[in-house]
Amino acid sequence: MVTKFQGTVKFFNETKGYGFIIHEESDKESFVHVNGLIHEIQADDRVEFELQEGRKGMNAVNVRRID
C-alpha cells in the first residue's frame, strides 16, 4: 500500500525544475523534481504526493494539485 501525504509547495523553480514541499502534518520539507510531477505546480499550491528514497533522502513523487 502506498502512503499519500498532503502539503503546500514552499518553492518551485520552473527553470531549474525543482522545489520543496512542506508536509501538512509535520512541517518537514521534501525535495520535488519536475520528473516527479503529475500536474504543474507553483508556490502555495496544496498538493498530494508520495515519498520515494532518492540519492540525498526522501523525494516527493506523483505530485498532484488538490483543492
C-alpha atoms as a PDB file:
ATOM      1  CA  MET A   1       0.000   0.000   0.000  1.00  0.00           C
ATOM      2  CA  VAL A   2       1.286   3.441  -0.928  1.00  0.00           C
ATOM      3  CA  THR A   3       1.147   6.196   1.686  1.00  0.00           C
ATOM      4  CA  LYS A   4      -0.095   9.544   0.402  1.00  0.00           C
ATOM      5  CA  PHE A   5       0.850  12.816   2.056  1.00  0.00           C
ATOM      6  CA  GLN A   6      -0.509  16.330   1.713  1.00  0.00           C
ATOM      7  CA  GLY A   7       1.355  19.592   1.880  1.00  0.00           C
ATOM      8  CA  THR A   8       1.996  23.018   0.431  1.00  0.00           C
ATOM      9  CA  VAL A   9       4.561  23.954  -2.203  1.00  0.00           C
ATOM     10  CA  LYS A  10       7.098  26.208  -0.489  1.00  0.00           C
ATOM     11  CA  PHE A  11       9.095  26.966  -3.621  1.00  0.00           C
ATOM     12  CA  PHE A  12       9.333  25.665  -7.183  1.00  0.00           C
ATOM     13  CA  ASN A  13      11.797  26.935  -9.792  1.00  0.00           C
ATOM     14  CA  GLU A  14      10.393  26.120 -13.241  1.00  0.00           C
ATOM     15  CA  THR A  15      13.682  26.965 -14.963  1.00  0.00           C
ATOM     16  CA  LYS A  16      15.756  24.579 -12.840  1.00  0.00           C
ATOM     17  CA  GLY A  17      12.930  22.064 -12.436  1.00  0.00           C
ATOM     18  CA  TYR A  18      12.938  21.558  -8.690  1.00  0.00           C
ATOM     19  CA  GLY A  19      11.488  22.837  -5.442  1.00  0.00           C
ATOM     20  CA  PHE A  20      10.313  21.886  -1.959  1.00  0.00           C
ATOM     21  CA  ILE A  21       7.035  20.833  -0.373  1.00  0.00           C
ATOM     22  CA  ILE A  22       6.185  21.382   3.305  1.00  0.00           C
ATOM     23  CA  HIS A  23       4.313  18.426   4.813  1.00  0.00           C
ATOM     24  CA  GLU A  24       0.933  19.371   6.279  1.00  0.00           C
ATOM     25  CA  GLU A  25       1.180  17.199   9.414  1.00  0.00           C
ATOM     26  CA  SER A  26       4.838  17.539  10.388  1.00  0.00           C
ATOM     27  CA  ASP A  27       6.295  20.712   8.804  1.00  0.00           C
ATOM     28  CA  LYS A  28       9.050  18.525   7.264  1.00  0.00           C
ATOM     29  CA  GLU A  29      10.259  19.549   3.818  1.00  0.00           C
ATOM     30  CA  SER A  30      10.647  17.211   0.856  1.00  0.00           C
ATOM     31  CA  PHE A  31      12.544  17.833  -2.364  1.00  0.00           C
ATOM     32  CA  VAL A  32      10.493  17.636  -5.561  1.00  0.00           C
ATOM     33  CA  HIS A  33      11.896  17.357  -9.097  1.00  0.00           C
ATOM     34  CA  VAL A  34       9.938  18.146 -12.260  1.00  0.00           C
ATOM     35  CA  ASN A  35      10.091  14.423 -13.173  1.00  0.00           C
ATOM     36  CA  GLY A  36       8.014  13.662 -10.055  1.00  0.00           C
ATOM     37  CA  LEU A  37       5.104  15.897 -11.086  1.00  0.00           C
ATOM     38  CA  ILE A  38       1.728  14.804 -12.404  1.00  0.00           C
ATOM     39  CA  HIS A  39       0.474  18.421 -12.584  1.00  0.00           C
ATOM     40  CA  GLU A  40       2.428  21.654 -12.913  1.00  0.00           C
ATOM     41  CA  ILE A  41       2.883  23.311  -9.514  1.00  0.00           C
ATOM     42  CA  GLN A  42       3.827  26.692  -8.132  1.00  0.00           C
ATOM     43  CA  ALA A  43       4.438  28.210  -4.697  1.00  0.00           C
ATOM     44  CA  ASP A  44       1.491  27.985  -2.266  1.00  0.00           C
ATOM     45  CA  ASP A  45      -0.306  25.204  -4.200  1.00  0.00           C
ATOM     46  CA  ARG A  46      -1.814  22.477  -1.982  1.00  0.00           C
ATOM     47  CA  VAL A  47      -0.614  19.092  -3.200  1.00  0.00           C
ATOM     48  CA  GLU A  48      -0.873  15.367  -2.562  1.00  0.00           C
ATOM     49  CA  PHE A  49       2.239  13.243  -3.036  1.00  0.00           C
ATOM     50  CA  GLU A  50       4.098  10.041  -2.252  1.00  0.00           C
ATOM     51  CA  LEU A  51       7.648   9.712  -0.938  1.00  0.00           C
ATOM     52  CA  GLN A  52      10.435   7.774  -2.605  1.00  0.00           C
ATOM     53  CA  GLU A  53      14.041   7.254  -1.482  1.00  0.00           C
ATOM     54  CA  GLY A  54      16.427   9.386  -3.520  1.00  0.00           C
ATOM     55  CA  ARG A  55      20.203   9.868  -3.552  1.00  0.00           C
ATOM     56  CA  LYS A  56      20.056  12.512  -0.824  1.00  0.00           C
ATOM     57  CA  GLY A  57      16.971  11.466   1.132  1.00  0.00           C
ATOM     58  CA  MET A  58      13.255  11.251   0.542  1.00  0.00           C
ATOM     59  CA  ASN A  59      11.803  12.871  -2.595  1.00  0.00           C
ATOM     60  CA  ALA A  60       8.190  13.798  -3.327  1.00  0.00           C
ATOM     61  CA  VAL A  61       6.853  11.889  -6.357  1.00  0.00           C
ATOM     62  CA  ASN A  62       3.485  11.555  -8.101  1.00  0.00           C
ATOM     63  CA  VAL A  63       2.764  15.134  -7.036  1.00  0.00           C
ATOM     64  CA  ARG A  64      -0.699  16.415  -7.932  1.00  0.00           C
ATOM     65  CA  ARG A  65      -2.511  19.655  -7.071  1.00  0.00           C
ATOM     66  CA  ILE A  66      -5.562  19.423  -4.817  1.00  0.00           C
ATOM     67  CA  ASP A  67      -8.266  21.950  -3.970  1.00  0.00           C
END
